[in-house]
């Protein structure tokens, strides 16, 4: 039997690790799912969708997703201010991955 090359392997060099680094955390996958299903979404709508989440926490997660080019923040010059979030092209490329997670959950959810 051939010896595996795990001694030389580094998880953090994998595509899997990179993907997880972008969508890690309690709220980022849920934010992405929400935008996938309902975009465009306003901040208060997102907050209601997520349930109990502090303004600061939601704001920080949205900023990180925007910095990673997964979402687009559009601010409209009006009073009161209107801000909407949508998936970027790069964010849309994650839809297939999120769909597979949904499929798995539907197939494996206890009845």
PDB file of N, CA and C in Angstrom:
ATOM      1  N   UNK A   1       0.843  -1.184   0.000  1.00  0.00           N
ATOM      2  CA  UNK A   1       0.000   0.000   0.000  1.00  0.00           C
ATOM      3  C   UNK A   1       0.889   1.248   0.000  1.00  0.00           C
ATOM      4  N   UNK A   2       0.570   2.199  -0.864  1.00  0.00           N
ATOM      5  CA  UNK A   2       1.371   3.414  -0.978  1.00  0.00           C
ATOM      6  C   UNK A   2       1.142   4.315   0.226  1.00  0.00           C
ATOM      7  N   UNK A   3       2.212   4.919   0.685  1.00  0.00           N
ATOM      8  CA  UNK A   3       2.113   5.838   1.817  1.00  0.00           C
ATOM      9  C   UNK A   3       1.521   7.157   1.342  1.00  0.00           C
ATOM     10  N   UNK A   4       0.583   7.710   2.112  1.00  0.00           N
ATOM     11  CA  UNK A   4      -0.036   8.981   1.723  1.00  0.00           C
ATOM     12  C   UNK A   4       0.965  10.119   1.869  1.00  0.00           C
ATOM     13  N   UNK A   5       0.674  11.222   1.205  1.00  0.00           N
ATOM     14  CA  UNK A   5       1.554  12.387   1.255  1.00  0.00           C
ATOM     15  C   UNK A   5       1.077  13.413   2.272  1.00  0.00           C
ATOM     16  N   UNK A   6       0.370  12.961   3.298  1.00  0.00           N
ATOM     17  CA  UNK A   6      -0.183  13.913   4.268  1.00  0.00           C
ATOM     18  C   UNK A   6       0.920  14.677   4.999  1.00  0.00           C
ATOM     19  N   UNK A   7       2.096  14.076   5.115  1.00  0.00           N
ATOM     20  CA  UNK A   7       3.188  14.772   5.807  1.00  0.00           C
ATOM     21  C   UNK A   7       3.548  16.076   5.102  1.00  0.00           C
ATOM     22  N   UNK A   8       3.377  16.105   3.778  1.00  0.00           N
ATOM     23  CA  UNK A   8       3.713  17.292   2.998  1.00  0.00           C
ATOM     24  C   UNK A   8       2.505  18.192   2.737  1.00  0.00           C
ATOM     25  N   UNK A   9       1.332  17.724   3.110  1.00  0.00           N
ATOM     26  CA  UNK A   9       0.095  18.457   2.819  1.00  0.00           C
ATOM     27  C   UNK A   9      -0.141  19.577   3.832  1.00  0.00           C
ATOM     28  N   UNK A  10      -0.790  20.620   3.359  1.00  0.00           N
ATOM     29  CA  UNK A  10      -1.164  21.740   4.220  1.00  0.00           C
ATOM     30  C   UNK A  10      -2.596  22.133   3.868  1.00  0.00           C
ATOM     31  N   UNK A  11      -3.500  21.913   4.795  1.00  0.00           N
ATOM     32  CA  UNK A  11      -4.919  22.192   4.554  1.00  0.00           C
ATOM     33  C   UNK A  11      -5.137  23.619   4.078  1.00  0.00           C
ATOM     34  N   UNK A  12      -4.386  24.564   4.609  1.00  0.00           N
ATOM     35  CA  UNK A  12      -4.596  25.979   4.303  1.00  0.00           C
ATOM     36  C   UNK A  12      -4.185  26.357   2.878  1.00  0.00           C
ATOM     37  N   UNK A  13      -3.585  25.435   2.156  1.00  0.00           N
ATOM     38  CA  UNK A  13      -3.244  25.653   0.749  1.00  0.00           C
ATOM     39  C   UNK A  13      -4.331  25.138  -0.197  1.00  0.00           C
ATOM     40  N   UNK A  14      -5.404  24.588   0.348  1.00  0.00           N
ATOM     41  CA  UNK A  14      -6.442  23.985  -0.496  1.00  0.00           C
ATOM     42  C   UNK A  14      -7.518  24.986  -0.884  1.00  0.00           C
ATOM     43  N   UNK A  15      -8.186  24.701  -1.980  1.00  0.00           N
ATOM     44  CA  UNK A  15      -9.336  25.508  -2.394  1.00  0.00           C
ATOM     45  C   UNK A  15     -10.449  25.439  -1.377  1.00  0.00           C
ATOM     46  N   UNK A  16     -10.605  24.302  -0.752  1.00  0.00           N
ATOM     47  CA  UNK A  16     -11.636  24.119   0.276  1.00  0.00           C
ATOM     48  C   UNK A  16     -11.419  25.103   1.426  1.00  0.00           C
ATOM     49  N   UNK A  17     -10.178  25.208   1.856  1.00  0.00           N
ATOM     50  CA  UNK A  17      -9.837  26.134   2.941  1.00  0.00           C
ATOM     51  C   UNK A  17     -10.123  27.574   2.550  1.00  0.00           C
ATOM     52  N   UNK A  18      -9.768  27.934   1.311  1.00  0.00           N
ATOM     53  CA  UNK A  18     -10.007  29.297   0.856  1.00  0.00           C
ATOM     54  C   UNK A  18     -11.505  29.614   0.831  1.00  0.00           C
ATOM     55  N   UNK A  19     -12.301  28.686   0.306  1.00  0.00           N
ATOM     56  CA  UNK A  19     -13.751  28.892   0.261  1.00  0.00           C
ATOM     57  C   UNK A  19     -14.304  29.073   1.665  1.00  0.00           C
ATOM     58  N   UNK A  20     -13.905  28.204   2.575  1.00  0.00           N
ATOM     59  CA  UNK A  20     -14.373  28.323   3.958  1.00  0.00           C
ATOM     60  C   UNK A  20     -13.958  29.648   4.588  1.00  0.00           C
ATOM     61  N   UNK A  21     -12.783  30.142   4.245  1.00  0.00           N
ATOM     62  CA  UNK A  21     -12.323  31.407   4.829  1.00  0.00           C
ATOM     63  C   UNK A  21     -13.227  32.572   4.425  1.00  0.00           C
ATOM     64  N   UNK A  22     -13.860  32.469   3.256  1.00  0.00           N
ATOM     65  CA  UNK A  22     -14.746  33.536   2.787  1.00  0.00           C
ATOM     66  C   UNK A  22     -16.140  33.458   3.393  1.00  0.00           C
ATOM     67  N   UNK A  23     -16.602  32.238   3.671  1.00  0.00           N
ATOM     68  CA  UNK A  23     -17.984  32.078   4.130  1.00  0.00           C
ATOM     69  C   UNK A  23     -18.064  31.578   5.567  1.00  0.00           C
ATOM     70  N   UNK A  24     -16.951  31.660   6.297  1.00  0.00           N
ATOM     71  CA  UNK A  24     -16.951  31.157   7.666  1.00  0.00           C
ATOM     72  C   UNK A  24     -17.753  32.050   8.596  1.00  0.00           C
ATOM     73  N   UNK A  25     -18.121  31.496   9.705  1.00  0.00           N
ATOM     74  CA  UNK A  25     -18.832  32.261  10.712  1.00  0.00           C
ATOM     75  C   UNK A  25     -20.295  31.861  10.798  1.00  0.00           C
ATOM     76  N   UNK A  26     -20.944  32.402  11.774  1.00  0.00           N
ATOM     77  CA  UNK A  26     -22.330  32.064  12.057  1.00  0.00           C
ATOM     78  C   UNK A  26     -23.297  32.661  11.036  1.00  0.00           C
ATOM     79  N   UNK A  27     -23.007  33.852  10.540  1.00  0.00           N
ATOM     80  CA  UNK A  27     -23.987  34.578   9.738  1.00  0.00           C
ATOM     81  C   UNK A  27     -23.694  34.670   8.239  1.00  0.00           C
ATOM     82  N   UNK A  28     -22.441  34.598   7.843  1.00  0.00           N
ATOM     83  CA  UNK A  28     -22.123  34.797   6.417  1.00  0.00           C
ATOM     84  C   UNK A  28     -22.855  33.827   5.488  1.00  0.00           C
ATOM     85  N   UNK A  29     -22.877  32.525   5.801  1.00  0.00           N
ATOM     86  CA  UNK A  29     -23.616  31.634   4.897  1.00  0.00           C
ATOM     87  C   UNK A  29     -25.107  31.969   4.838  1.00  0.00           C
ATOM     88  N   UNK A  30     -25.668  32.420   5.945  1.00  0.00           N
ATOM     89  CA  UNK A  30     -27.091  32.762   5.983  1.00  0.00           C
ATOM     90  C   UNK A  30     -27.346  34.039   5.183  1.00  0.00           C
ATOM     91  N   UNK A  31     -26.455  35.003   5.293  1.00  0.00           N
ATOM     92  CA  UNK A  31     -26.572  36.239   4.515  1.00  0.00           C
ATOM     93  C   UNK A  31     -26.521  35.917   3.022  1.00  0.00           C
ATOM     94  N   UNK A  32     -25.569  35.084   2.635  1.00  0.00           N
ATOM     95  CA  UNK A  32     -25.445  34.705   1.229  1.00  0.00           C
ATOM     96  C   UNK A  32     -26.688  33.961   0.748  1.00  0.00           C
ATOM     97  N   UNK A  33     -27.205  33.076   1.575  1.00  0.00           N
ATOM     98  CA  UNK A  33     -28.418  32.340   1.220  1.00  0.00           C
ATOM     99  C   UNK A  33     -29.595  33.299   1.062  1.00  0.00           C
ATOM    100  N   UNK A  34     -29.724  34.230   1.979  1.00  0.00           N
ATOM    101  CA  UNK A  34     -30.802  35.222   1.921  1.00  0.00           C
ATOM    102  C   UNK A  34     -30.728  36.008   0.612  1.00  0.00           C
ATOM    103  N   UNK A  35     -29.548  36.466   0.259  1.00  0.00           N
ATOM    104  CA  UNK A  35     -29.388  37.226  -0.984  1.00  0.00           C
ATOM    105  C   UNK A  35     -29.640  36.357  -2.204  1.00  0.00           C
ATOM    106  N   UNK A  36     -29.254  35.099  -2.115  1.00  0.00           N
ATOM    107  CA  UNK A  36     -29.489  34.169  -3.217  1.00  0.00           C
ATOM    108  C   UNK A  36     -30.992  34.007  -3.468  1.00  0.00           C
ATOM    109  N   UNK A  37     -31.769  34.008  -2.412  1.00  0.00           N
ATOM    110  CA  UNK A  37     -33.204  33.768  -2.521  1.00  0.00           C
ATOM    111  C   UNK A  37     -34.028  35.042  -2.735  1.00  0.00           C
ATOM    112  N   UNK A  38     -33.576  36.168  -2.172  1.00  0.00           N
ATOM    113  CA  UNK A  38     -34.453  37.344  -2.106  1.00  0.00           C
ATOM    114  C   UNK A  38     -33.863  38.650  -2.608  1.00  0.00           C
ATOM    115  N   UNK A  39     -32.699  38.655  -3.217  1.00  0.00           N
ATOM    116  CA  UNK A  39     -32.065  39.930  -3.562  1.00  0.00           C
ATOM    117  C   UNK A  39     -32.937  40.796  -4.466  1.00  0.00           C
ATOM    118  N   UNK A  40     -32.831  42.116  -4.351  1.00  0.00           N
ATOM    119  CA  UNK A  40     -32.025  42.875  -3.393  1.00  0.00           C
ATOM    120  C   UNK A  40     -32.676  42.876  -2.007  1.00  0.00           C
ATOM    121  N   UNK A  41     -31.852  43.029  -0.995  1.00  0.00           N
ATOM    122  CA  UNK A  41     -32.328  43.015   0.388  1.00  0.00           C
ATOM    123  C   UNK A  41     -31.774  44.240   1.111  1.00  0.00           C
ATOM    124  N   UNK A  42     -32.641  44.908   1.847  1.00  0.00           N
ATOM    125  CA  UNK A  42     -32.222  46.061   2.656  1.00  0.00           C
ATOM    126  C   UNK A  42     -31.731  45.584   4.016  1.00  0.00           C
ATOM    127  N   UNK A  43     -30.978  46.440   4.691  1.00  0.00           N
ATOM    128  CA  UNK A  43     -30.363  46.092   5.974  1.00  0.00           C
ATOM    129  C   UNK A  43     -31.412  45.599   6.974  1.00  0.00           C
ATOM    130  N   UNK A  44     -32.495  46.343   7.154  1.00  0.00           N
ATOM    131  CA  UNK A  44     -33.511  45.962   8.139  1.00  0.00           C
ATOM    132  C   UNK A  44     -34.210  44.655   7.769  1.00  0.00           C
ATOM    133  N   UNK A  45     -34.402  44.418   6.471  1.00  0.00           N
ATOM    134  CA  UNK A  45     -34.990  43.153   6.027  1.00  0.00           C
ATOM    135  C   UNK A  45     -34.058  41.990   6.374  1.00  0.00           C
ATOM    136  N   UNK A  46     -32.764  42.202   6.152  1.00  0.00           N
ATOM    137  CA  UNK A  46     -31.770  41.181   6.466  1.00  0.00           C
ATOM    138  C   UNK A  46     -31.769  40.902   7.962  1.00  0.00           C
ATOM    139  N   UNK A  47     -31.849  41.953   8.747  1.00  0.00           N
ATOM    140  CA  UNK A  47     -31.843  41.804  10.200  1.00  0.00           C
ATOM    141  C   UNK A  47     -33.056  40.993  10.668  1.00  0.00           C
ATOM    142  N   UNK A  48     -34.223  41.281  10.107  1.00  0.00           N
ATOM    143  CA  UNK A  48     -35.426  40.507  10.460  1.00  0.00           C
ATOM    144  C   UNK A  48     -35.287  39.051  10.034  1.00  0.00           C
ATOM    145  N   UNK A  49     -34.718  38.826   8.868  1.00  0.00           N
ATOM    146  CA  UNK A  49     -34.530  37.473   8.350  1.00  0.00           C
ATOM    147  C   UNK A  49     -33.628  36.652   9.268  1.00  0.00           C
ATOM    148  N   UNK A  50     -32.562  37.295   9.762  1.00  0.00           N
ATOM    149  CA  UNK A  50     -31.588  36.596  10.604  1.00  0.00           C
ATOM    150  C   UNK A  50     -32.054  36.418  12.040  1.00  0.00           C
ATOM    151  N   UNK A  51     -33.065  37.164  12.446  1.00  0.00           N
ATOM    152  CA  UNK A  51     -33.523  37.051  13.828  1.00  0.00           C
ATOM    153  C   UNK A  51     -32.677  37.899  14.752  1.00  0.00           C
ATOM    154  N   UNK A  52     -32.241  37.320  15.817  1.00  0.00           N
ATOM    155  CA  UNK A  52     -31.488  38.069  16.830  1.00  0.00           C
ATOM    156  C   UNK A  52     -30.042  38.260  16.403  1.00  0.00           C
ATOM    157  N   UNK A  53     -29.786  39.419  15.817  1.00  0.00           N
ATOM    158  CA  UNK A  53     -28.418  39.777  15.438  1.00  0.00           C
ATOM    159  C   UNK A  53     -28.249  41.269  15.694  1.00  0.00           C
ATOM    160  N   UNK A  54     -27.165  41.626  16.320  1.00  0.00           N
ATOM    161  CA  UNK A  54     -26.890  43.026  16.623  1.00  0.00           C
ATOM    162  C   UNK A  54     -26.557  43.787  15.339  1.00  0.00           C
ATOM    163  N   UNK A  55     -26.926  45.066  15.306  1.00  0.00           N
ATOM    164  CA  UNK A  55     -26.612  45.919  14.152  1.00  0.00           C
ATOM    165  C   UNK A  55     -25.124  45.832  13.803  1.00  0.00           C
ATOM    166  N   UNK A  56     -24.292  45.939  14.823  1.00  0.00           N
ATOM    167  CA  UNK A  56     -22.840  45.941  14.622  1.00  0.00           C
ATOM    168  C   UNK A  56     -22.366  44.627  14.001  1.00  0.00           C
ATOM    169  N   UNK A  57     -22.909  43.512  14.465  1.00  0.00           N
ATOM    170  CA  UNK A  57     -22.515  42.201  13.949  1.00  0.00           C
ATOM    171  C   UNK A  57     -22.919  42.054  12.483  1.00  0.00           C
ATOM    172  N   UNK A  58     -24.158  42.420  12.172  1.00  0.00           N
ATOM    173  CA  UNK A  58     -24.620  42.334  10.791  1.00  0.00           C
ATOM    174  C   UNK A  58     -23.801  43.257   9.907  1.00  0.00           C
ATOM    175  N   UNK A  59     -23.587  44.469  10.360  1.00  0.00           N
ATOM    176  CA  UNK A  59     -22.810  45.438   9.595  1.00  0.00           C
ATOM    177  C   UNK A  59     -21.404  44.920   9.320  1.00  0.00           C
ATOM    178  N   UNK A  60     -20.761  44.343  10.313  1.00  0.00           N
ATOM    179  CA  UNK A  60     -19.402  43.814  10.162  1.00  0.00           C
ATOM    180  C   UNK A  60     -19.371  42.665   9.154  1.00  0.00           C
ATOM    181  N   UNK A  61     -20.336  41.753   9.243  1.00  0.00           N
ATOM    182  CA  UNK A  61     -20.392  40.633   8.302  1.00  0.00           C
ATOM    183  C   UNK A  61     -20.619  41.116   6.877  1.00  0.00           C
ATOM    184  N   UNK A  62     -21.508  42.092   6.710  1.00  0.00           N
ATOM    185  CA  UNK A  62     -21.767  42.639   5.381  1.00  0.00           C
ATOM    186  C   UNK A  62     -20.521  43.328   4.824  1.00  0.00           C
ATOM    187  N   UNK A  63     -19.802  44.066   5.666  1.00  0.00           N
ATOM    188  CA  UNK A  63     -18.565  44.722   5.224  1.00  0.00           C
ATOM    189  C   UNK A  63     -17.521  43.711   4.784  1.00  0.00           C
ATOM    190  N   UNK A  64     -17.401  42.612   5.526  1.00  0.00           N
ATOM    191  CA  UNK A  64     -16.424  41.583   5.171  1.00  0.00           C
ATOM    192  C   UNK A  64     -16.795  40.901   3.851  1.00  0.00           C
ATOM    193  N   UNK A  65     -18.087  40.603   3.668  1.00  0.00           N
ATOM    194  CA  UNK A  65     -18.527  39.993   2.418  1.00  0.00           C
ATOM    195  C   UNK A  65     -18.321  40.943   1.239  1.00  0.00           C
ATOM    196  N   UNK A  66     -18.526  42.231   1.484  1.00  0.00           N
ATOM    197  CA  UNK A  66     -18.294  43.227   0.437  1.00  0.00           C
ATOM    198  C   UNK A  66     -16.795  43.331   0.119  1.00  0.00           C
ATOM    199  N   UNK A  67     -15.967  43.323   1.150  1.00  0.00           N
ATOM    200  CA  UNK A  67     -14.513  43.404   0.954  1.00  0.00           C
ATOM    201  C   UNK A  67     -13.988  42.187   0.184  1.00  0.00           C
ATOM    202  N   UNK A  68     -14.631  41.041   0.361  1.00  0.00           N
ATOM    203  CA  UNK A  68     -14.243  39.819  -0.355  1.00  0.00           C
ATOM    204  C   UNK A  68     -14.915  39.722  -1.723  1.00  0.00           C
ATOM    205  N   UNK A  69     -15.605  40.789  -2.120  1.00  0.00           N
ATOM    206  CA  UNK A  69     -16.262  40.883  -3.428  1.00  0.00           C
ATOM    207  C   UNK A  69     -17.317  39.792  -3.634  1.00  0.00           C
ATOM    208  N   UNK A  70     -18.043  39.460  -2.555  1.00  0.00           N
ATOM    209  CA  UNK A  70     -19.131  38.490  -2.676  1.00  0.00           C
ATOM    210  C   UNK A  70     -20.489  39.178  -2.736  1.00  0.00           C
ATOM    211  N   UNK A  71     -20.562  40.401  -2.217  1.00  0.00           N
ATOM    212  CA  UNK A  71     -21.807  41.157  -2.272  1.00  0.00           C
ATOM    213  C   UNK A  71     -21.530  42.580  -2.730  1.00  0.00           C
ATOM    214  N   UNK A  72     -22.594  43.239  -3.178  1.00  0.00           N
ATOM    215  CA  UNK A  72     -22.518  44.631  -3.601  1.00  0.00           C
ATOM    216  C   UNK A  72     -23.467  45.441  -2.717  1.00  0.00           C
ATOM    217  N   UNK A  73     -22.948  46.530  -2.193  1.00  0.00           N
ATOM    218  CA  UNK A  73     -23.739  47.455  -1.384  1.00  0.00           C
ATOM    219  C   UNK A  73     -24.058  48.661  -2.255  1.00  0.00           C
ATOM    220  N   UNK A  74     -25.359  48.935  -2.419  1.00  0.00           N
ATOM    221  CA  UNK A  74     -25.777  50.078  -3.223  1.00  0.00           C
ATOM    222  C   UNK A  74     -26.515  51.057  -2.314  1.00  0.00           C
ATOM    223  N   UNK A  75     -26.001  52.287  -2.247  1.00  0.00           N
ATOM    224  CA  UNK A  75     -26.614  53.319  -1.417  1.00  0.00           C
ATOM    225  C   UNK A  75     -27.316  54.323  -2.324  1.00  0.00           C
ATOM    226  N   UNK A  76     -28.563  54.612  -2.004  1.00  0.00           N
ATOM    227  CA  UNK A  76     -29.350  55.556  -2.781  1.00  0.00           C
ATOM    228  C   UNK A  76     -29.396  56.886  -2.053  1.00  0.00           C
ATOM    229  N   UNK A  77     -29.144  57.999  -2.773  1.00  0.00           N
ATOM    230  CA  UNK A  77     -29.114  59.325  -2.141  1.00  0.00           C
ATOM    231  C   UNK A  77     -30.531  59.843  -1.883  1.00  0.00           C
ATOM    232  N   UNK A  78     -31.072  59.462  -0.760  1.00  0.00           N
ATOM    233  CA  UNK A  78     -32.411  59.917  -0.384  1.00  0.00           C
ATOM    234  C   UNK A  78     -32.498  59.983   1.129  1.00  0.00           C
ATOM    235  N   UNK A  79     -33.570  60.587   1.603  1.00  0.00           N
ATOM    236  CA  UNK A  79     -33.806  60.684   3.038  1.00  0.00           C
ATOM    237  C   UNK A  79     -35.136  60.002   3.327  1.00  0.00           C
ATOM    238  N   UNK A  80     -35.180  59.019   4.225  1.00  0.00           N
ATOM    239  CA  UNK A  80     -34.036  58.405   4.921  1.00  0.00           C
ATOM    240  C   UNK A  80     -33.169  57.610   3.950  1.00  0.00           C
ATOM    241  N   UNK A  81     -31.908  57.380   4.336  1.00  0.00           N
ATOM    242  CA  UNK A  81     -30.997  56.659   3.445  1.00  0.00           C
ATOM    243  C   UNK A  81     -31.544  55.269   3.113  1.00  0.00           C
ATOM    244  N   UNK A  82     -31.327  54.857   1.888  1.00  0.00           N
ATOM    245  CA  UNK A  82     -31.732  53.524   1.444  1.00  0.00           C
ATOM    246  C   UNK A  82     -30.490  52.796   0.961  1.00  0.00           C
ATOM    247  N   UNK A  83     -30.257  51.614   1.530  1.00  0.00           N
ATOM    248  CA  UNK A  83     -29.118  50.789   1.155  1.00  0.00           C
ATOM    249  C   UNK A  83     -29.645  49.396   0.828  1.00  0.00           C
ATOM    250  N   UNK A  84     -29.211  48.868  -0.308  1.00  0.00           N
ATOM    251  CA  UNK A  84     -29.594  47.517  -0.698  1.00  0.00           C
ATOM    252  C   UNK A  84     -28.347  46.674  -0.936  1.00  0.00           C
ATOM    253  N   UNK A  85     -28.492  45.393  -0.678  1.00  0.00           N
ATOM    254  CA  UNK A  85     -27.401  44.442  -0.879  1.00  0.00           C
ATOM    255  C   UNK A  85     -27.827  43.408  -1.909  1.00  0.00           C
ATOM    256  N   UNK A  86     -26.898  43.074  -2.794  1.00  0.00           N
ATOM    257  CA  UNK A  86     -27.102  42.030  -3.793  1.00  0.00           C
ATOM    258  C   UNK A  86     -25.831  41.201  -3.883  1.00  0.00           C
ATOM    259  N   UNK A  87     -25.941  40.044  -4.484  1.00  0.00           N
ATOM    260  CA  UNK A  87     -24.754  39.240  -4.741  1.00  0.00           C
ATOM    261  C   UNK A  87     -23.973  39.852  -5.895  1.00  0.00           C
ATOM    262  N   UNK A  88     -22.663  39.845  -5.783  1.00  0.00           N
ATOM    263  CA  UNK A  88     -21.806  40.256  -6.898  1.00  0.00           C
ATOM    264  C   UNK A  88     -21.725  39.085  -7.878  1.00  0.00           C
ATOM    265  N   UNK A  89     -21.055  39.297  -8.987  1.00  0.00           N
ATOM    266  CA  UNK A  89     -20.849  38.193  -9.932  1.00  0.00           C
ATOM    267  C   UNK A  89     -20.110  37.048  -9.246  1.00  0.00           C
ATOM    268  N   UNK A  90     -19.113  37.412  -8.456  1.00  0.00           N
ATOM    269  CA  UNK A  90     -18.350  36.400  -7.713  1.00  0.00           C
ATOM    270  C   UNK A  90     -19.256  35.698  -6.698  1.00  0.00           C
ATOM    271  N   UNK A  91     -20.139  36.460  -6.042  1.00  0.00           N
ATOM    272  CA  UNK A  91     -21.090  35.878  -5.104  1.00  0.00           C
ATOM    273  C   UNK A  91     -22.059  34.930  -5.785  1.00  0.00           C
ATOM    274  N   UNK A  92     -22.504  35.318  -6.982  1.00  0.00           N
ATOM    275  CA  UNK A  92     -23.394  34.439  -7.751  1.00  0.00           C
ATOM    276  C   UNK A  92     -22.706  33.125  -8.106  1.00  0.00           C
ATOM    277  N   UNK A  93     -21.390  33.152  -8.237  1.00  0.00           N
ATOM    278  CA  UNK A  93     -20.673  31.918  -8.564  1.00  0.00           C
ATOM    279  C   UNK A  93     -20.698  30.924  -7.401  1.00  0.00           C
ATOM    280  N   UNK A  94     -21.052  31.381  -6.209  1.00  0.00           N
ATOM    281  CA  UNK A  94     -21.185  30.492  -5.042  1.00  0.00           C
ATOM    282  C   UNK A  94     -22.565  29.840  -4.959  1.00  0.00           C
ATOM    283  N   UNK A  95     -23.508  30.287  -5.771  1.00  0.00           N
ATOM    284  CA  UNK A  95     -24.877  29.779  -5.694  1.00  0.00           C
ATOM    285  C   UNK A  95     -24.917  28.262  -5.872  1.00  0.00           C
ATOM    286  N   UNK A  96     -24.144  27.727  -6.795  1.00  0.00           N
ATOM    287  CA  UNK A  96     -24.137  26.275  -7.006  1.00  0.00           C
ATOM    288  C   UNK A  96     -23.687  25.537  -5.749  1.00  0.00           C
ATOM    289  N   UNK A  97     -22.710  26.091  -5.047  1.00  0.00           N
ATOM    290  CA  UNK A  97     -22.222  25.483  -3.805  1.00  0.00           C
ATOM    291  C   UNK A  97     -23.313  25.545  -2.740  1.00  0.00           C
ATOM    292  N   UNK A  98     -23.950  26.704  -2.592  1.00  0.00           N
ATOM    293  CA  UNK A  98     -25.015  26.858  -1.602  1.00  0.00           C
ATOM    294  C   UNK A  98     -26.205  25.962  -1.929  1.00  0.00           C
ATOM    295  N   UNK A  99     -26.521  25.833  -3.214  1.00  0.00           N
ATOM    296  CA  UNK A  99     -27.602  24.937  -3.634  1.00  0.00           C
ATOM    297  C   UNK A  99     -27.308  23.494  -3.237  1.00  0.00           C
ATOM    298  N   UNK A 100     -26.068  23.077  -3.394  1.00  0.00           N
ATOM    299  CA  UNK A 100     -25.693  21.710  -3.006  1.00  0.00           C
ATOM    300  C   UNK A 100     -25.840  21.511  -1.490  1.00  0.00           C
ATOM    301  N   UNK A 101     -25.496  22.513  -0.709  1.00  0.00           N
ATOM    302  CA  UNK A 101     -25.695  22.421   0.738  1.00  0.00           C
ATOM    303  C   UNK A 101     -27.184  22.276   1.059  1.00  0.00           C
ATOM    304  N   UNK A 102     -28.025  23.035   0.345  1.00  0.00           N
ATOM    305  CA  UNK A 102     -29.479  22.938   0.535  1.00  0.00           C
ATOM    306  C   UNK A 102     -29.970  21.545   0.171  1.00  0.00           C
ATOM    307  N   UNK A 103     -29.520  21.029  -0.968  1.00  0.00           N
ATOM    308  CA  UNK A 103     -29.933  19.701  -1.411  1.00  0.00           C
ATOM    309  C   UNK A 103     -29.563  18.646  -0.380  1.00  0.00           C
ATOM    310  N   UNK A 104     -28.340  18.729   0.118  1.00  0.00           N
ATOM    311  CA  UNK A 104     -27.889  17.767   1.111  1.00  0.00           C
ATOM    312  C   UNK A 104     -28.757  17.842   2.364  1.00  0.00           C
ATOM    313  N   UNK A 105     -29.064  19.058   2.804  1.00  0.00           N
ATOM    314  CA  UNK A 105     -29.883  19.237   3.995  1.00  0.00           C
ATOM    315  C   UNK A 105     -31.284  18.672   3.813  1.00  0.00           C
ATOM    316  N   UNK A 106     -31.853  18.879   2.643  1.00  0.00           N
ATOM    317  CA  UNK A 106     -33.201  18.345   2.357  1.00  0.00           C
ATOM    318  C   UNK A 106     -33.169  16.813   2.369  1.00  0.00           C
ATOM    319  N   UNK A 107     -32.155  16.242   1.753  1.00  0.00           N
ATOM    320  CA  UNK A 107     -32.053  14.783   1.678  1.00  0.00           C
ATOM    321  C   UNK A 107     -31.720  14.119   3.013  1.00  0.00           C
ATOM    322  N   UNK A 108     -31.030  14.812   3.884  1.00  0.00           N
ATOM    323  CA  UNK A 108     -30.538  14.197   5.130  1.00  0.00           C
ATOM    324  C   UNK A 108     -31.201  14.716   6.398  1.00  0.00           C
ATOM    325  N   UNK A 109     -32.120  15.616   6.268  1.00  0.00           N
ATOM    326  CA  UNK A 109     -32.820  16.167   7.435  1.00  0.00           C
ATOM    327  C   UNK A 109     -33.671  15.073   8.079  1.00  0.00           C
ATOM    328  N   UNK A 110     -33.605  14.952   9.393  1.00  0.00           N
ATOM    329  CA  UNK A 110     -34.459  13.951  10.059  1.00  0.00           C
ATOM    330  C   UNK A 110     -35.930  14.250   9.793  1.00  0.00           C
ATOM    331  N   UNK A 111     -36.676  13.203   9.589  1.00  0.00           N
ATOM    332  CA  UNK A 111     -38.102  13.363   9.280  1.00  0.00           C
ATOM    333  C   UNK A 111     -38.945  13.379  10.505  1.00  0.00           C
TER     334      UNK A 111
END
